[in-house]
Amino acid sequence: MVETFGEYLKAARMAQGLSQVALVGLAPAGWSVSQTAVSAWERDERIPTVGQLAQLAEILGWTPGELPRAVTLVAANEASRRAS
């Protein structure tokens, strides 16, 4: 079961058969996210902005139900990190 945003993102990326580099390569022009950022998100070391979440949803083809799940996990990760 997916517990964190990082796990959720990684599972979605892998379900599409994409490497981190390939995911970044599919990003729209002007998207300033690197493979390093994707890696940090997947390790739950950083969280994406709302705009980056929307772009990830577009690239990964998330349904309207999947994006709120991602947002919920990001919020939980941030709350956990602040409590530490």
PDB file of N, CA and C in Angstrom:
ATOM      1  N   MET A   1       0.841  -1.185   0.000  1.00  0.00           N
ATOM      2  CA  MET A   1       0.000   0.000   0.000  1.00  0.00           C
ATOM      3  C   MET A   1       0.886   1.248   0.000  1.00  0.00           C
ATOM      4  N   VAL A   2       0.480   2.232  -0.763  1.00  0.00           N
ATOM      5  CA  VAL A   2       1.222   3.484  -0.861  1.00  0.00           C
ATOM      6  C   VAL A   2       0.976   4.311   0.391  1.00  0.00           C
ATOM      7  N   GLU A   3       2.054   4.724   1.039  1.00  0.00           N
ATOM      8  CA  GLU A   3       1.954   5.469   2.288  1.00  0.00           C
ATOM      9  C   GLU A   3       2.360   6.932   2.152  1.00  0.00           C
ATOM     10  N   THR A   4       3.254   7.234   1.208  1.00  0.00           N
ATOM     11  CA  THR A   4       3.764   8.598   1.092  1.00  0.00           C
ATOM     12  C   THR A   4       3.611   9.100  -0.340  1.00  0.00           C
ATOM     13  N   PHE A   5       3.758  10.407  -0.499  1.00  0.00           N
ATOM     14  CA  PHE A   5       3.702  10.967  -1.849  1.00  0.00           C
ATOM     15  C   PHE A   5       4.814  10.392  -2.709  1.00  0.00           C
ATOM     16  N   GLY A   6       5.998  10.243  -2.143  1.00  0.00           N
ATOM     17  CA  GLY A   6       7.116   9.703  -2.903  1.00  0.00           C
ATOM     18  C   GLY A   6       6.814   8.322  -3.467  1.00  0.00           C
ATOM     19  N   GLU A   7       6.220   7.473  -2.641  1.00  0.00           N
ATOM     20  CA  GLU A   7       5.839   6.139  -3.096  1.00  0.00           C
ATOM     21  C   GLU A   7       4.756   6.216  -4.172  1.00  0.00           C
ATOM     22  N   TYR A   8       3.821   7.136  -3.998  1.00  0.00           N
ATOM     23  CA  TYR A   8       2.726   7.336  -4.956  1.00  0.00           C
ATOM     24  C   TYR A   8       3.282   7.778  -6.304  1.00  0.00           C
ATOM     25  N   LEU A   9       4.179   8.752  -6.273  1.00  0.00           N
ATOM     26  CA  LEU A   9       4.783   9.254  -7.506  1.00  0.00           C
ATOM     27  C   LEU A   9       5.591   8.164  -8.192  1.00  0.00           C
ATOM     28  N   LYS A  10       6.402   7.460  -7.432  1.00  0.00           N
ATOM     29  CA  LYS A  10       7.232   6.414  -8.019  1.00  0.00           C
ATOM     30  C   LYS A  10       6.365   5.320  -8.649  1.00  0.00           C
ATOM     31  N   ALA A  11       5.314   4.916  -7.956  1.00  0.00           N
ATOM     32  CA  ALA A  11       4.423   3.885  -8.499  1.00  0.00           C
ATOM     33  C   ALA A  11       3.759   4.353  -9.788  1.00  0.00           C
ATOM     34  N   ALA A  12       3.325   5.617  -9.815  1.00  0.00           N
ATOM     35  CA  ALA A  12       2.688   6.159 -11.020  1.00  0.00           C
ATOM     36  C   ALA A  12       3.682   6.243 -12.171  1.00  0.00           C
ATOM     37  N   ARG A  13       4.894   6.682 -11.880  1.00  0.00           N
ATOM     38  CA  ARG A  13       5.931   6.790 -12.910  1.00  0.00           C
ATOM     39  C   ARG A  13       6.277   5.420 -13.461  1.00  0.00           C
ATOM     40  N   MET A  14       6.467   4.463 -12.578  1.00  0.00           N
ATOM     41  CA  MET A  14       6.845   3.117 -13.014  1.00  0.00           C
ATOM     42  C   MET A  14       5.708   2.424 -13.769  1.00  0.00           C
ATOM     43  N   ALA A  15       4.464   2.707 -13.387  1.00  0.00           N
ATOM     44  CA  ALA A  15       3.318   2.136 -14.102  1.00  0.00           C
ATOM     45  C   ALA A  15       3.288   2.611 -15.559  1.00  0.00           C
ATOM     46  N   GLN A  16       3.842   3.783 -15.798  1.00  0.00           N
ATOM     47  CA  GLN A  16       3.931   4.325 -17.161  1.00  0.00           C
ATOM     48  C   GLN A  16       5.190   3.833 -17.869  1.00  0.00           C
ATOM     49  N   GLY A  17       6.035   3.103 -17.138  1.00  0.00           N
ATOM     50  CA  GLY A  17       7.279   2.598 -17.721  1.00  0.00           C
ATOM     51  C   GLY A  17       8.314   3.686 -17.946  1.00  0.00           C
ATOM     52  N   LEU A  18       8.296   4.702 -17.090  1.00  0.00           N
ATOM     53  CA  LEU A  18       9.194   5.846 -17.245  1.00  0.00           C
ATOM     54  C   LEU A  18      10.299   5.843 -16.199  1.00  0.00           C
ATOM     55  N   SER A  19      11.493   6.200 -16.630  1.00  0.00           N
ATOM     56  CA  SER A  19      12.562   6.487 -15.682  1.00  0.00           C
ATOM     57  C   SER A  19      12.343   7.918 -15.187  1.00  0.00           C
ATOM     58  N   GLN A  20      13.090   8.306 -14.176  1.00  0.00           N
ATOM     59  CA  GLN A  20      12.999   9.695 -13.706  1.00  0.00           C
ATOM     60  C   GLN A  20      13.406  10.657 -14.816  1.00  0.00           C
ATOM     61  N   VAL A  21      14.455  10.309 -15.545  1.00  0.00           N
ATOM     62  CA  VAL A  21      14.930  11.165 -16.640  1.00  0.00           C
ATOM     63  C   VAL A  21      13.870  11.270 -17.733  1.00  0.00           C
ATOM     64  N   ALA A  22      13.224  10.146 -18.056  1.00  0.00           N
ATOM     65  CA  ALA A  22      12.182  10.157 -19.084  1.00  0.00           C
ATOM     66  C   ALA A  22      10.990  11.003 -18.641  1.00  0.00           C
ATOM     67  N   LEU A  23      10.640  10.934 -17.364  1.00  0.00           N
ATOM     68  CA  LEU A  23       9.550  11.754 -16.838  1.00  0.00           C
ATOM     69  C   LEU A  23       9.852  13.226 -17.046  1.00  0.00           C
ATOM     70  N   VAL A  24      11.052  13.640 -16.679  1.00  0.00           N
ATOM     71  CA  VAL A  24      11.452  15.040 -16.854  1.00  0.00           C
ATOM     72  C   VAL A  24      11.442  15.400 -18.341  1.00  0.00           C
ATOM     73  N   GLY A  25      11.854  14.466 -19.186  1.00  0.00           N
ATOM     74  CA  GLY A  25      11.871  14.705 -20.626  1.00  0.00           C
ATOM     75  C   GLY A  25      10.496  14.923 -21.228  1.00  0.00           C
ATOM     76  N   LEU A  26       9.463  14.407 -20.592  1.00  0.00           N
ATOM     77  CA  LEU A  26       8.095  14.584 -21.076  1.00  0.00           C
ATOM     78  C   LEU A  26       7.459  15.886 -20.594  1.00  0.00           C
ATOM     79  N   ALA A  27       8.146  16.579 -19.722  1.00  0.00           N
ATOM     80  CA  ALA A  27       7.608  17.812 -19.149  1.00  0.00           C
ATOM     81  C   ALA A  27       7.456  18.881 -20.219  1.00  0.00           C
ATOM     82  N   PRO A  28       6.440  19.725 -20.064  1.00  0.00           N
ATOM     83  CA  PRO A  28       6.247  20.815 -21.020  1.00  0.00           C
ATOM     84  C   PRO A  28       7.422  21.790 -21.017  1.00  0.00           C
ATOM     85  N   ALA A  29       7.584  22.488 -22.114  1.00  0.00           N
ATOM     86  CA  ALA A  29       8.637  23.500 -22.215  1.00  0.00           C
ATOM     87  C   ALA A  29       8.498  24.499 -21.069  1.00  0.00           C
ATOM     88  N   GLY A  30       9.619  24.851 -20.496  1.00  0.00           N
ATOM     89  CA  GLY A  30       9.608  25.815 -19.407  1.00  0.00           C
ATOM     90  C   GLY A  30       9.484  25.189 -18.030  1.00  0.00           C
ATOM     91  N   TRP A  31       9.313  23.883 -17.978  1.00  0.00           N
ATOM     92  CA  TRP A  31       9.229  23.211 -16.689  1.00  0.00           C
ATOM     93  C   TRP A  31      10.639  23.059 -16.175  1.00  0.00           C
ATOM     94  N   SER A  32      10.933  23.695 -15.087  1.00  0.00           N
ATOM     95  CA  SER A  32      12.310  23.736 -14.599  1.00  0.00           C
ATOM     96  C   SER A  32      12.554  22.719 -13.485  1.00  0.00           C
ATOM     97  N   VAL A  33      12.178  21.484 -13.732  1.00  0.00           N
ATOM     98  CA  VAL A  33      12.380  20.425 -12.752  1.00  0.00           C
ATOM     99  C   VAL A  33      13.374  19.428 -13.312  1.00  0.00           C
ATOM    100  N   SER A  34      14.296  19.047 -12.475  1.00  0.00           N
ATOM    101  CA  SER A  34      15.347  18.124 -12.896  1.00  0.00           C
ATOM    102  C   SER A  34      15.073  16.717 -12.373  1.00  0.00           C
ATOM    103  N   GLN A  35      15.868  15.795 -12.839  1.00  0.00           N
ATOM    104  CA  GLN A  35      15.805  14.423 -12.351  1.00  0.00           C
ATOM    105  C   GLN A  35      16.132  14.405 -10.859  1.00  0.00           C
ATOM    106  N   THR A  36      17.004  15.288 -10.434  1.00  0.00           N
ATOM    107  CA  THR A  36      17.373  15.379  -9.017  1.00  0.00           C
ATOM    108  C   THR A  36      16.154  15.735  -8.164  1.00  0.00           C
ATOM    109  N   ALA A  37      15.320  16.650  -8.662  1.00  0.00           N
ATOM    110  CA  ALA A  37      14.105  17.026  -7.930  1.00  0.00           C
ATOM    111  C   ALA A  37      13.136  15.857  -7.861  1.00  0.00           C
ATOM    112  N   VAL A  38      12.951  15.154  -8.970  1.00  0.00           N
ATOM    113  CA  VAL A  38      12.053  13.999  -8.981  1.00  0.00           C
ATOM    114  C   VAL A  38      12.553  12.956  -7.980  1.00  0.00           C
ATOM    115  N   SER A  39      13.843  12.725  -7.974  1.00  0.00           N
ATOM    116  CA  SER A  39      14.436  11.765  -7.037  1.00  0.00           C
ATOM    117  C   SER A  39      14.162  12.179  -5.588  1.00  0.00           C
ATOM    118  N   ALA A  40      14.332  13.461  -5.291  1.00  0.00           N
ATOM    119  CA  ALA A  40      14.087  13.957  -3.929  1.00  0.00           C
ATOM    120  C   ALA A  40      12.613  13.810  -3.558  1.00  0.00           C
ATOM    121  N   TRP A  41      11.711  14.039  -4.505  1.00  0.00           N
ATOM    122  CA  TRP A  41      10.277  13.851  -4.234  1.00  0.00           C
ATOM    123  C   TRP A  41       9.996  12.395  -3.914  1.00  0.00           C
ATOM    124  N   GLU A  42      10.585  11.500  -4.702  1.00  0.00           N
ATOM    125  CA  GLU A  42      10.334  10.072  -4.502  1.00  0.00           C
ATOM    126  C   GLU A  42      10.916   9.556  -3.191  1.00  0.00           C
ATOM    127  N   ARG A  43      11.931  10.211  -2.682  1.00  0.00           N
ATOM    128  CA  ARG A  43      12.515   9.835  -1.388  1.00  0.00           C
ATOM    129  C   ARG A  43      11.862  10.616  -0.241  1.00  0.00           C
ATOM    130  N   ASP A  44      10.852  11.416  -0.568  1.00  0.00           N
ATOM    131  CA  ASP A  44      10.137  12.242   0.406  1.00  0.00           C
ATOM    132  C   ASP A  44      11.054  13.209   1.135  1.00  0.00           C
ATOM    133  N   GLU A  45      12.084  13.667   0.443  1.00  0.00           N
ATOM    134  CA  GLU A  45      12.989  14.668   1.006  1.00  0.00           C
ATOM    135  C   GLU A  45      12.521  16.081   0.680  1.00  0.00           C
ATOM    136  N   ARG A  46      11.774  16.220  -0.395  1.00  0.00           N
ATOM    137  CA  ARG A  46      11.201  17.501  -0.811  1.00  0.00           C
ATOM    138  C   ARG A  46       9.790  17.239  -1.299  1.00  0.00           C
ATOM    139  N   ILE A  47       9.008  18.307  -1.425  1.00  0.00           N
ATOM    140  CA  ILE A  47       7.666  18.171  -1.971  1.00  0.00           C
ATOM    141  C   ILE A  47       7.507  19.134  -3.142  1.00  0.00           C
ATOM    142  N   PRO A  48       6.716  18.746  -4.127  1.00  0.00           N
ATOM    143  CA  PRO A  48       6.502  19.628  -5.266  1.00  0.00           C
ATOM    144  C   PRO A  48       5.529  20.747  -4.914  1.00  0.00           C
ATOM    145  N   THR A  49       5.610  21.812  -5.692  1.00  0.00           N
ATOM    146  CA  THR A  49       4.651  22.905  -5.547  1.00  0.00           C
ATOM    147  C   THR A  49       3.324  22.470  -6.154  1.00  0.00           C
ATOM    148  N   VAL A  50       2.294  23.251  -5.938  1.00  0.00           N
ATOM    149  CA  VAL A  50       0.983  22.954  -6.522  1.00  0.00           C
ATOM    150  C   VAL A  50       1.085  22.937  -8.050  1.00  0.00           C
ATOM    151  N   GLY A  51       1.820  23.882  -8.610  1.00  0.00           N
ATOM    152  CA  GLY A  51       2.001  23.918 -10.058  1.00  0.00           C
ATOM    153  C   GLY A  51       2.724  22.687 -10.572  1.00  0.00           C
ATOM    154  N   GLN A  52       3.727  22.249  -9.844  1.00  0.00           N
ATOM    155  CA  GLN A  52       4.462  21.047 -10.241  1.00  0.00           C
ATOM    156  C   GLN A  52       3.577  19.807 -10.127  1.00  0.00           C
ATOM    157  N   LEU A  53       2.721  19.770  -9.115  1.00  0.00           N
ATOM    158  CA  LEU A  53       1.771  18.660  -8.989  1.00  0.00           C
ATOM    159  C   LEU A  53       0.840  18.603 -10.197  1.00  0.00           C
ATOM    160  N   ALA A  54       0.354  19.765 -10.609  1.00  0.00           N
ATOM    161  CA  ALA A  54      -0.535  19.813 -11.778  1.00  0.00           C
ATOM    162  C   ALA A  54       0.187  19.319 -13.023  1.00  0.00           C
ATOM    163  N   GLN A  55       1.450  19.704 -13.168  1.00  0.00           N
ATOM    164  CA  GLN A  55       2.221  19.249 -14.323  1.00  0.00           C
ATOM    165  C   GLN A  55       2.471  17.744 -14.252  1.00  0.00           C
ATOM    166  N   LEU A  56       2.776  17.228 -13.077  1.00  0.00           N
ATOM    167  CA  LEU A  56       2.951  15.788 -12.921  1.00  0.00           C
ATOM    168  C   LEU A  56       1.670  15.049 -13.286  1.00  0.00           C
ATOM    169  N   ALA A  57       0.539  15.578 -12.848  1.00  0.00           N
ATOM    170  CA  ALA A  57      -0.753  14.953 -13.148  1.00  0.00           C
ATOM    171  C   ALA A  57      -0.979  14.886 -14.660  1.00  0.00           C
ATOM    172  N   GLU A  58      -0.627  15.946 -15.342  1.00  0.00           N
ATOM    173  CA  GLU A  58      -0.790  15.978 -16.803  1.00  0.00           C
ATOM    174  C   GLU A  58       0.134  14.962 -17.472  1.00  0.00           C
ATOM    175  N   ILE A  59       1.386  14.950 -17.079  1.00  0.00           N
ATOM    176  CA  ILE A  59       2.369  14.042 -17.687  1.00  0.00           C
ATOM    177  C   ILE A  59       2.008  12.587 -17.424  1.00  0.00           C
ATOM    178  N   LEU A  60       1.605  12.288 -16.194  1.00  0.00           N
ATOM    179  CA  LEU A  60       1.334  10.911 -15.806  1.00  0.00           C
ATOM    180  C   LEU A  60      -0.097  10.468 -16.110  1.00  0.00           C
ATOM    181  N   GLY A  61      -0.917  11.399 -16.579  1.00  0.00           N
ATOM    182  CA  GLY A  61      -2.285  11.064 -16.930  1.00  0.00           C
ATOM    183  C   GLY A  61      -3.160  10.720 -15.741  1.00  0.00           C
ATOM    184  N   TRP A  62      -2.888  11.374 -14.607  1.00  0.00           N
ATOM    185  CA  TRP A  62      -3.686  11.120 -13.414  1.00  0.00           C
ATOM    186  C   TRP A  62      -5.128  11.520 -13.656  1.00  0.00           C
ATOM    187  N   THR A  63      -6.030  10.738 -13.128  1.00  0.00           N
ATOM    188  CA  THR A  63      -7.455  11.031 -13.224  1.00  0.00           C
ATOM    189  C   THR A  63      -7.807  12.105 -12.189  1.00  0.00           C
ATOM    190  N   PRO A  64      -8.996  12.679 -12.304  1.00  0.00           N
ATOM    191  CA  PRO A  64      -9.402  13.659 -11.285  1.00  0.00           C
ATOM    192  C   PRO A  64      -9.378  13.088  -9.863  1.00  0.00           C
ATOM    193  N   GLY A  65      -9.545  11.792  -9.700  1.00  0.00           N
ATOM    194  CA  GLY A  65      -9.487  11.190  -8.372  1.00  0.00           C
ATOM    195  C   GLY A  65      -8.079  10.968  -7.866  1.00  0.00           C
ATOM    196  N   GLU A  66      -7.128  10.830  -8.778  1.00  0.00           N
ATOM    197  CA  GLU A  66      -5.750  10.563  -8.367  1.00  0.00           C
ATOM    198  C   GLU A  66      -5.021  11.821  -7.907  1.00  0.00           C
ATOM    199  N   LEU A  67      -5.321  12.954  -8.490  1.00  0.00           N
ATOM    200  CA  LEU A  67      -4.642  14.194  -8.094  1.00  0.00           C
ATOM    201  C   LEU A  67      -4.948  14.561  -6.645  1.00  0.00           C
ATOM    202  N   PRO A  68      -6.211  14.513  -6.197  1.00  0.00           N
ATOM    203  CA  PRO A  68      -6.453  14.815  -4.779  1.00  0.00           C
ATOM    204  C   PRO A  68      -5.716  13.869  -3.836  1.00  0.00           C
ATOM    205  N   ARG A  69      -5.564  12.605  -4.221  1.00  0.00           N
ATOM    206  CA  ARG A  69      -4.811  11.658  -3.398  1.00  0.00           C
ATOM    207  C   ARG A  69      -3.369  12.119  -3.273  1.00  0.00           C
ATOM    208  N   ALA A  70      -2.793  12.575  -4.391  1.00  0.00           N
ATOM    209  CA  ALA A  70      -1.417  13.075  -4.368  1.00  0.00           C
ATOM    210  C   ALA A  70      -1.298  14.294  -3.460  1.00  0.00           C
ATOM    211  N   VAL A  71      -2.250  15.209  -3.557  1.00  0.00           N
ATOM    212  CA  VAL A  71      -2.231  16.425  -2.736  1.00  0.00           C
ATOM    213  C   VAL A  71      -2.342  16.057  -1.257  1.00  0.00           C
ATOM    214  N   THR A  72      -3.200  15.106  -0.930  1.00  0.00           N
ATOM    215  CA  THR A  72      -3.353  14.659   0.456  1.00  0.00           C
ATOM    216  C   THR A  72      -2.052  14.078   0.990  1.00  0.00           C
ATOM    217  N   LEU A  73      -1.377  13.274   0.170  1.00  0.00           N
ATOM    218  CA  LEU A  73      -0.110  12.689   0.603  1.00  0.00           C
ATOM    219  C   LEU A  73       0.975  13.745   0.775  1.00  0.00           C
ATOM    220  N   VAL A  74       1.007  14.737  -0.112  1.00  0.00           N
ATOM    221  CA  VAL A  74       1.984  15.825   0.025  1.00  0.00           C
ATOM    222  C   VAL A  74       1.746  16.560   1.333  1.00  0.00           C
ATOM    223  N   ALA A  75       0.491  16.870   1.628  1.00  0.00           N
ATOM    224  CA  ALA A  75       0.167  17.581   2.867  1.00  0.00           C
ATOM    225  C   ALA A  75       0.560  16.753   4.090  1.00  0.00           C
ATOM    226  N   ALA A  76       0.308  15.460   4.041  1.00  0.00           N
ATOM    227  CA  ALA A  76       0.680  14.588   5.166  1.00  0.00           C
ATOM    228  C   ALA A  76       2.192  14.539   5.330  1.00  0.00           C
ATOM    229  N   ASN A  77       2.917  14.469   4.217  1.00  0.00           N
ATOM    230  CA  ASN A  77       4.379  14.457   4.295  1.00  0.00           C
ATOM    231  C   ASN A  77       4.897  15.746   4.916  1.00  0.00           C
ATOM    232  N   GLU A  78       4.342  16.871   4.505  1.00  0.00           N
ATOM    233  CA  GLU A  78       4.796  18.159   5.020  1.00  0.00           C
ATOM    234  C   GLU A  78       4.487  18.275   6.509  1.00  0.00           C
ATOM    235  N   ALA A  79       3.302  17.850   6.928  1.00  0.00           N
ATOM    236  CA  ALA A  79       2.950  17.896   8.342  1.00  0.00           C
ATOM    237  C   ALA A  79       3.882  17.011   9.169  1.00  0.00           C
ATOM    238  N   SER A  80       4.202  15.858   8.651  1.00  0.00           N
ATOM    239  CA  SER A  80       5.102  14.935   9.351  1.00  0.00           C
ATOM    240  C   SER A  80       6.501  15.534   9.472  1.00  0.00           C
ATOM    241  N   ARG A  81       6.946  16.160   8.408  1.00  0.00           N
ATOM    242  CA  ARG A  81       8.287  16.756   8.428  1.00  0.00           C
ATOM    243  C   ARG A  81       8.355  17.925   9.406  1.00  0.00           C
ATOM    244  N   ARG A  82       7.316  18.720   9.476  1.00  0.00           N
ATOM    245  CA  ARG A  82       7.303  19.852  10.409  1.00  0.00           C
ATOM    246  C   ARG A  82       7.246  19.394  11.856  1.00  0.00           C
ATOM    247  N   ALA A  83       6.593  18.249  12.098  1.00  0.00           N
ATOM    248  CA  ALA A  83       6.479  17.725  13.458  1.00  0.00           C
ATOM    249  C   ALA A  83       7.794  17.117  13.936  1.00  0.00           C
ATOM    250  N   SER A  84       8.666  16.771  13.003  1.00  0.00           N
ATOM    251  CA  SER A  84       9.944  16.126  13.381  1.00  0.00           C
ATOM    252  C   SER A  84      10.920  17.100  13.965  1.00  0.00           C
TER     253      SER A  84
END
